[in-house]
């Protein structure tokens, strides 16, 4: 596998995850309630760490996560902590969290994440 690309297909309980090294975009779409979230998100966290260590270009997360279980929330907190650390060191990082405007719970979750972040973090409603 090319270590600079990340491509994890979605399953019934896991989101599709694509990391595009060239554009500096990490995208996740779908539900996240995997049996083993560490197994799923460990490779994502490693990709983010590698990108932030090896690249000077901005990193943007494009999230369309519809549901997250507790362990997925913990993994996302770890990812946001990496982004926050990078931001504190002067790196350009950002998050766009897209959510269905009929799903207020996701908007509230994204808002809770955003409260702990000082980098650019947008919460964007869309209509299905």
N, C-alpha and C. Protein backbone atom coordinates (compact mmCIF):
# COMPACT_ATOMS: atom_id res chain seq x y z
N UNK A 1 0.83 -1.19 0.00
CA UNK A 1 0.00 0.00 0.00
C UNK A 1 0.87 1.25 0.00
N UNK A 2 0.47 2.21 -0.77
CA UNK A 2 1.15 3.50 -0.80
C UNK A 2 0.89 4.18 0.55
N UNK A 3 1.95 4.45 1.30
CA UNK A 3 1.77 4.97 2.65
C UNK A 3 1.19 6.38 2.66
N UNK A 4 1.23 7.06 1.51
CA UNK A 4 0.71 8.42 1.51
C UNK A 4 -0.79 8.47 1.22
N UNK A 5 -1.35 7.38 0.73
CA UNK A 5 -2.79 7.36 0.46
C UNK A 5 -3.48 6.48 1.51
N UNK A 6 -4.67 6.88 1.89
CA UNK A 6 -5.46 6.13 2.84
C UNK A 6 -6.83 5.93 2.22
N UNK A 7 -7.25 4.69 2.09
CA UNK A 7 -8.55 4.43 1.48
C UNK A 7 -9.19 3.24 2.19
N UNK A 8 -10.14 3.52 3.07
CA UNK A 8 -10.82 2.49 3.83
C UNK A 8 -12.29 2.50 3.40
N UNK A 9 -12.75 1.44 2.74
CA UNK A 9 -14.15 1.42 2.31
C UNK A 9 -15.10 1.35 3.50
N UNK A 10 -16.28 1.89 3.32
CA UNK A 10 -17.27 1.86 4.40
C UNK A 10 -17.84 0.46 4.55
N UNK A 11 -18.32 0.19 5.75
CA UNK A 11 -19.09 -1.02 6.01
C UNK A 11 -20.38 -0.55 6.68
N UNK A 12 -21.19 -1.49 7.09
CA UNK A 12 -22.43 -1.12 7.77
C UNK A 12 -22.15 -0.31 9.04
N UNK A 13 -21.02 -0.60 9.70
CA UNK A 13 -20.75 0.05 10.98
C UNK A 13 -19.52 0.97 10.97
N UNK A 14 -18.92 1.17 9.81
CA UNK A 14 -17.75 2.04 9.75
C UNK A 14 -17.85 3.03 8.59
N UNK A 15 -17.29 4.21 8.77
CA UNK A 15 -17.36 5.21 7.70
C UNK A 15 -16.35 4.92 6.59
N UNK A 16 -16.63 5.44 5.41
CA UNK A 16 -15.63 5.45 4.34
C UNK A 16 -14.61 6.52 4.72
N UNK A 17 -13.34 6.19 4.57
CA UNK A 17 -12.28 7.13 4.96
C UNK A 17 -11.28 7.22 3.81
N UNK A 18 -11.03 8.45 3.35
CA UNK A 18 -10.05 8.66 2.29
C UNK A 18 -9.08 9.74 2.73
N UNK A 19 -7.80 9.41 2.66
CA UNK A 19 -6.77 10.40 2.92
C UNK A 19 -6.03 10.66 1.63
N UNK A 20 -6.08 11.89 1.14
CA UNK A 20 -5.43 12.25 -0.12
C UNK A 20 -4.23 13.13 0.21
N UNK A 21 -3.06 12.53 0.13
CA UNK A 21 -1.81 13.20 0.51
C UNK A 21 -1.57 14.44 -0.35
N UNK A 22 -1.85 14.32 -1.65
CA UNK A 22 -1.55 15.42 -2.59
C UNK A 22 -2.38 16.66 -2.30
N UNK A 23 -3.66 16.47 -1.96
CA UNK A 23 -4.52 17.62 -1.70
C UNK A 23 -4.54 18.01 -0.23
N UNK A 24 -4.03 17.11 0.63
CA UNK A 24 -4.05 17.40 2.06
C UNK A 24 -5.44 17.34 2.64
N UNK A 25 -6.26 16.41 2.11
CA UNK A 25 -7.64 16.28 2.59
C UNK A 25 -7.86 14.87 3.14
N UNK A 26 -8.40 14.82 4.35
CA UNK A 26 -8.83 13.57 4.96
C UNK A 26 -10.35 13.64 5.05
N UNK A 27 -11.02 12.71 4.37
CA UNK A 27 -12.49 12.73 4.33
C UNK A 27 -13.05 11.48 5.00
N UNK A 28 -14.12 11.66 5.74
CA UNK A 28 -14.82 10.52 6.36
C UNK A 28 -16.32 10.73 6.17
N UNK A 29 -17.00 9.67 5.72
CA UNK A 29 -18.44 9.75 5.52
C UNK A 29 -19.11 8.50 6.06
N UNK A 30 -20.21 8.70 6.79
CA UNK A 30 -21.02 7.56 7.22
C UNK A 30 -21.14 7.44 8.72
N UNK A 31 -21.62 6.27 9.14
CA UNK A 31 -21.77 5.96 10.56
C UNK A 31 -20.49 5.36 11.09
N UNK A 32 -20.23 5.54 12.37
CA UNK A 32 -19.03 4.96 12.97
C UNK A 32 -19.38 4.32 14.31
N UNK A 33 -19.61 3.02 14.27
CA UNK A 33 -19.78 2.25 15.50
C UNK A 33 -19.11 0.89 15.31
N UNK A 34 -17.80 0.92 15.00
CA UNK A 34 -17.09 -0.33 14.75
C UNK A 34 -16.93 -1.16 16.01
N UNK A 35 -16.77 -2.45 15.82
CA UNK A 35 -16.53 -3.34 16.94
C UNK A 35 -15.21 -2.97 17.62
N UNK A 36 -14.21 -2.63 16.80
CA UNK A 36 -12.91 -2.26 17.34
C UNK A 36 -12.49 -0.93 16.74
N UNK A 37 -12.84 0.16 17.40
CA UNK A 37 -12.54 1.46 16.83
C UNK A 37 -11.04 1.75 16.82
N UNK A 38 -10.30 1.16 17.77
CA UNK A 38 -8.85 1.37 17.77
C UNK A 38 -8.26 0.85 16.47
N UNK A 39 -8.69 -0.34 16.07
CA UNK A 39 -8.19 -0.95 14.84
C UNK A 39 -8.49 -0.06 13.63
N UNK A 40 -9.70 0.48 13.58
CA UNK A 40 -10.09 1.34 12.46
C UNK A 40 -9.33 2.67 12.49
N UNK A 41 -9.37 3.33 13.63
CA UNK A 41 -8.84 4.70 13.69
C UNK A 41 -7.34 4.78 13.89
N UNK A 42 -6.71 3.70 14.33
CA UNK A 42 -5.26 3.74 14.51
C UNK A 42 -4.55 4.08 13.20
N UNK A 43 -5.01 3.47 12.11
CA UNK A 43 -4.38 3.78 10.82
C UNK A 43 -4.67 5.21 10.38
N UNK A 44 -5.83 5.74 10.75
CA UNK A 44 -6.16 7.13 10.41
C UNK A 44 -5.27 8.07 11.22
N UNK A 45 -5.12 7.79 12.51
CA UNK A 45 -4.28 8.62 13.37
C UNK A 45 -2.83 8.58 12.89
N UNK A 46 -2.36 7.40 12.51
CA UNK A 46 -0.99 7.29 11.98
C UNK A 46 -0.83 8.10 10.70
N UNK A 47 -1.84 8.08 9.83
CA UNK A 47 -1.79 8.85 8.58
C UNK A 47 -1.70 10.35 8.89
N UNK A 48 -2.54 10.81 9.83
CA UNK A 48 -2.53 12.22 10.21
C UNK A 48 -1.16 12.61 10.79
N UNK A 49 -0.64 11.77 11.68
CA UNK A 49 0.67 12.07 12.28
C UNK A 49 1.75 12.14 11.21
N UNK A 50 1.75 11.18 10.27
CA UNK A 50 2.74 11.16 9.20
C UNK A 50 2.63 12.41 8.34
N UNK A 51 1.39 12.76 7.98
CA UNK A 51 1.18 13.94 7.13
C UNK A 51 1.70 15.20 7.83
N UNK A 52 1.34 15.35 9.10
CA UNK A 52 1.75 16.56 9.83
C UNK A 52 3.26 16.60 10.03
N UNK A 53 3.90 15.44 10.15
CA UNK A 53 5.35 15.39 10.31
C UNK A 53 6.10 15.60 9.00
N UNK A 54 5.54 15.08 7.90
CA UNK A 54 6.28 15.05 6.63
C UNK A 54 5.94 16.20 5.69
N UNK A 55 4.80 16.82 5.88
CA UNK A 55 4.34 17.86 4.96
C UNK A 55 4.25 19.20 5.66
N UNK A 56 4.46 20.26 4.89
CA UNK A 56 4.27 21.61 5.44
C UNK A 56 2.94 22.20 4.96
N UNK A 57 2.30 21.50 4.02
CA UNK A 57 1.05 22.02 3.47
C UNK A 57 -0.10 21.87 4.47
N UNK A 58 -1.18 22.64 4.25
CA UNK A 58 -2.35 22.55 5.13
C UNK A 58 -2.98 21.16 5.11
N UNK A 59 -3.65 20.83 6.21
CA UNK A 59 -4.43 19.59 6.29
C UNK A 59 -5.87 19.97 6.60
N UNK A 60 -6.77 19.44 5.79
CA UNK A 60 -8.19 19.73 5.97
C UNK A 60 -8.95 18.43 6.16
N UNK A 61 -9.81 18.38 7.18
CA UNK A 61 -10.71 17.25 7.37
C UNK A 61 -12.07 17.63 6.85
N UNK A 62 -12.63 16.77 6.01
CA UNK A 62 -13.99 16.92 5.48
C UNK A 62 -14.80 15.77 6.07
N UNK A 63 -15.63 16.07 7.04
CA UNK A 63 -16.37 15.03 7.76
C UNK A 63 -17.86 15.10 7.44
N UNK A 64 -18.42 13.96 7.11
CA UNK A 64 -19.87 13.81 7.01
C UNK A 64 -20.21 12.57 7.82
N UNK A 65 -20.03 12.69 9.12
CA UNK A 65 -20.26 11.58 10.02
C UNK A 65 -21.66 11.70 10.60
N UNK A 66 -22.43 10.64 10.46
CA UNK A 66 -23.83 10.69 10.82
C UNK A 66 -24.08 10.22 12.24
N UNK A 67 -23.29 9.25 12.68
CA UNK A 67 -23.44 8.72 14.03
C UNK A 67 -22.08 8.23 14.48
N UNK A 68 -21.73 8.53 15.74
CA UNK A 68 -20.48 8.03 16.31
C UNK A 68 -20.76 7.41 17.66
N UNK A 69 -20.22 6.20 17.89
CA UNK A 69 -20.33 5.61 19.21
C UNK A 69 -19.23 6.20 20.11
N UNK A 70 -19.23 5.83 21.37
CA UNK A 70 -18.32 6.43 22.35
C UNK A 70 -16.85 6.24 21.97
N UNK A 71 -16.49 5.04 21.52
CA UNK A 71 -15.09 4.81 21.18
C UNK A 71 -14.68 5.57 19.92
N UNK A 72 -15.62 5.78 18.99
CA UNK A 72 -15.32 6.60 17.81
C UNK A 72 -15.13 8.06 18.20
N UNK A 73 -15.94 8.52 19.15
CA UNK A 73 -15.79 9.90 19.65
C UNK A 73 -14.41 10.07 20.26
N UNK A 74 -13.96 9.09 21.04
CA UNK A 74 -12.62 9.16 21.64
C UNK A 74 -11.55 9.24 20.56
N UNK A 75 -11.69 8.43 19.51
CA UNK A 75 -10.71 8.46 18.42
C UNK A 75 -10.72 9.81 17.72
N UNK A 76 -11.89 10.38 17.51
CA UNK A 76 -11.96 11.70 16.87
C UNK A 76 -11.30 12.75 17.77
N UNK A 77 -11.48 12.63 19.08
CA UNK A 77 -10.82 13.56 20.01
C UNK A 77 -9.31 13.46 19.85
N UNK A 78 -8.79 12.25 19.69
CA UNK A 78 -7.35 12.06 19.49
C UNK A 78 -6.89 12.75 18.20
N UNK A 79 -7.67 12.61 17.14
CA UNK A 79 -7.33 13.26 15.87
C UNK A 79 -7.37 14.77 16.02
N UNK A 80 -8.41 15.29 16.66
CA UNK A 80 -8.51 16.74 16.86
C UNK A 80 -7.39 17.26 17.74
N UNK A 81 -6.94 16.45 18.72
CA UNK A 81 -5.79 16.84 19.55
C UNK A 81 -4.53 17.00 18.69
N UNK A 82 -4.33 16.08 17.74
CA UNK A 82 -3.19 16.20 16.83
C UNK A 82 -3.28 17.48 16.01
N UNK A 83 -4.47 17.79 15.53
CA UNK A 83 -4.67 19.01 14.75
C UNK A 83 -4.42 20.24 15.62
N UNK A 84 -4.92 20.19 16.85
CA UNK A 84 -4.73 21.33 17.76
C UNK A 84 -3.24 21.56 18.03
N UNK A 85 -2.50 20.48 18.29
CA UNK A 85 -1.06 20.61 18.52
C UNK A 85 -0.37 21.22 17.31
N UNK A 86 -0.74 20.74 16.13
CA UNK A 86 -0.13 21.27 14.89
C UNK A 86 -0.47 22.75 14.73
N UNK A 87 -1.73 23.10 15.01
CA UNK A 87 -2.17 24.50 14.91
C UNK A 87 -1.36 25.38 15.87
N UNK A 88 -1.14 24.88 17.08
CA UNK A 88 -0.38 25.65 18.07
C UNK A 88 1.06 25.89 17.60
N UNK A 89 1.54 25.01 16.72
CA UNK A 89 2.89 25.15 16.17
C UNK A 89 2.89 25.93 14.85
N UNK A 90 1.77 26.54 14.54
CA UNK A 90 1.70 27.39 13.36
C UNK A 90 1.26 26.72 12.08
N UNK A 91 0.83 25.47 12.17
CA UNK A 91 0.37 24.75 10.98
C UNK A 91 -1.05 25.16 10.62
N UNK A 92 -1.35 25.10 9.33
CA UNK A 92 -2.69 25.38 8.85
C UNK A 92 -3.48 24.07 8.82
N UNK A 93 -4.46 23.96 9.72
CA UNK A 93 -5.34 22.80 9.77
C UNK A 93 -6.77 23.30 9.89
N UNK A 94 -7.71 22.53 9.35
CA UNK A 94 -9.11 22.94 9.45
C UNK A 94 -10.03 21.73 9.37
N UNK A 95 -11.24 21.93 9.84
CA UNK A 95 -12.27 20.90 9.81
C UNK A 95 -13.54 21.50 9.24
N UNK A 96 -14.15 20.80 8.31
CA UNK A 96 -15.51 21.08 7.85
C UNK A 96 -16.35 19.87 8.20
N UNK A 97 -17.27 20.04 9.13
CA UNK A 97 -18.14 18.94 9.55
C UNK A 97 -19.51 19.18 8.94
N UNK A 98 -19.88 18.36 7.97
CA UNK A 98 -21.15 18.48 7.28
C UNK A 98 -22.16 17.58 7.98
N UNK A 99 -23.38 18.10 8.16
CA UNK A 99 -24.40 17.27 8.82
C UNK A 99 -25.76 17.55 8.20
N UNK A 100 -26.60 16.55 8.26
CA UNK A 100 -27.98 16.66 7.80
C UNK A 100 -28.72 17.60 8.76
N UNK A 101 -29.32 18.64 8.22
CA UNK A 101 -29.95 19.63 9.11
C UNK A 101 -31.12 19.06 9.91
N UNK A 102 -31.54 17.83 9.61
CA UNK A 102 -32.58 17.19 10.41
C UNK A 102 -31.99 16.40 11.57
N UNK A 103 -30.66 16.37 11.67
CA UNK A 103 -30.01 15.59 12.71
C UNK A 103 -29.27 16.52 13.67
N UNK A 104 -30.02 17.10 14.59
CA UNK A 104 -29.44 18.06 15.52
C UNK A 104 -28.39 17.43 16.44
N UNK A 105 -28.53 16.13 16.72
CA UNK A 105 -27.58 15.47 17.63
C UNK A 105 -26.15 15.54 17.08
N UNK A 106 -26.01 15.35 15.77
CA UNK A 106 -24.68 15.42 15.16
C UNK A 106 -24.15 16.84 15.24
N UNK A 107 -25.02 17.82 15.01
CA UNK A 107 -24.59 19.22 15.10
C UNK A 107 -24.11 19.54 16.51
N UNK A 108 -24.83 19.03 17.51
CA UNK A 108 -24.43 19.27 18.91
C UNK A 108 -23.10 18.60 19.23
N UNK A 109 -22.89 17.40 18.70
CA UNK A 109 -21.63 16.70 18.91
C UNK A 109 -20.48 17.48 18.28
N UNK A 110 -20.68 17.92 17.04
CA UNK A 110 -19.64 18.69 16.35
C UNK A 110 -19.34 19.98 17.12
N UNK A 111 -20.39 20.59 17.65
CA UNK A 111 -20.22 21.81 18.45
C UNK A 111 -19.38 21.54 19.70
N UNK A 112 -19.62 20.41 20.35
CA UNK A 112 -18.82 20.05 21.54
C UNK A 112 -17.35 19.87 21.17
N UNK A 113 -17.07 19.24 20.04
CA UNK A 113 -15.69 19.10 19.57
C UNK A 113 -15.09 20.47 19.31
N UNK A 114 -15.86 21.32 18.63
CA UNK A 114 -15.34 22.63 18.22
C UNK A 114 -14.95 23.49 19.43
N UNK A 115 -15.67 23.34 20.54
CA UNK A 115 -15.38 24.14 21.73
C UNK A 115 -13.96 23.95 22.24
N UNK A 116 -13.36 22.77 21.98
CA UNK A 116 -12.02 22.47 22.45
C UNK A 116 -10.93 22.80 21.43
N UNK A 117 -11.33 23.33 20.28
CA UNK A 117 -10.37 23.56 19.19
C UNK A 117 -10.22 25.06 18.93
N UNK A 118 -8.98 25.48 18.69
CA UNK A 118 -8.76 26.89 18.34
C UNK A 118 -8.52 27.06 16.84
N UNK A 119 -8.39 25.95 16.10
CA UNK A 119 -8.21 26.04 14.65
C UNK A 119 -9.56 26.22 13.96
N UNK A 120 -9.53 26.48 12.66
CA UNK A 120 -10.72 26.72 11.87
C UNK A 120 -11.59 25.46 11.84
N UNK A 121 -12.81 25.56 12.38
CA UNK A 121 -13.70 24.40 12.53
C UNK A 121 -15.10 24.84 12.15
N UNK A 122 -15.56 24.43 10.96
CA UNK A 122 -16.87 24.83 10.48
C UNK A 122 -17.86 23.67 10.60
N UNK A 123 -19.09 24.01 10.98
CA UNK A 123 -20.16 23.03 11.06
C UNK A 123 -21.21 23.46 10.05
N UNK A 124 -21.41 22.62 9.03
CA UNK A 124 -22.18 23.02 7.85
C UNK A 124 -23.37 22.10 7.65
N UNK A 125 -24.56 22.69 7.64
CA UNK A 125 -25.79 21.90 7.43
C UNK A 125 -26.02 21.67 5.95
N UNK A 126 -26.57 20.52 5.64
CA UNK A 126 -27.03 20.26 4.27
C UNK A 126 -28.39 19.58 4.35
N UNK A 127 -29.09 19.60 3.24
CA UNK A 127 -30.39 18.92 3.19
C UNK A 127 -30.26 17.69 2.34
N UNK A 128 -30.82 16.60 2.83
CA UNK A 128 -30.80 15.34 2.06
C UNK A 128 -31.71 15.46 0.87
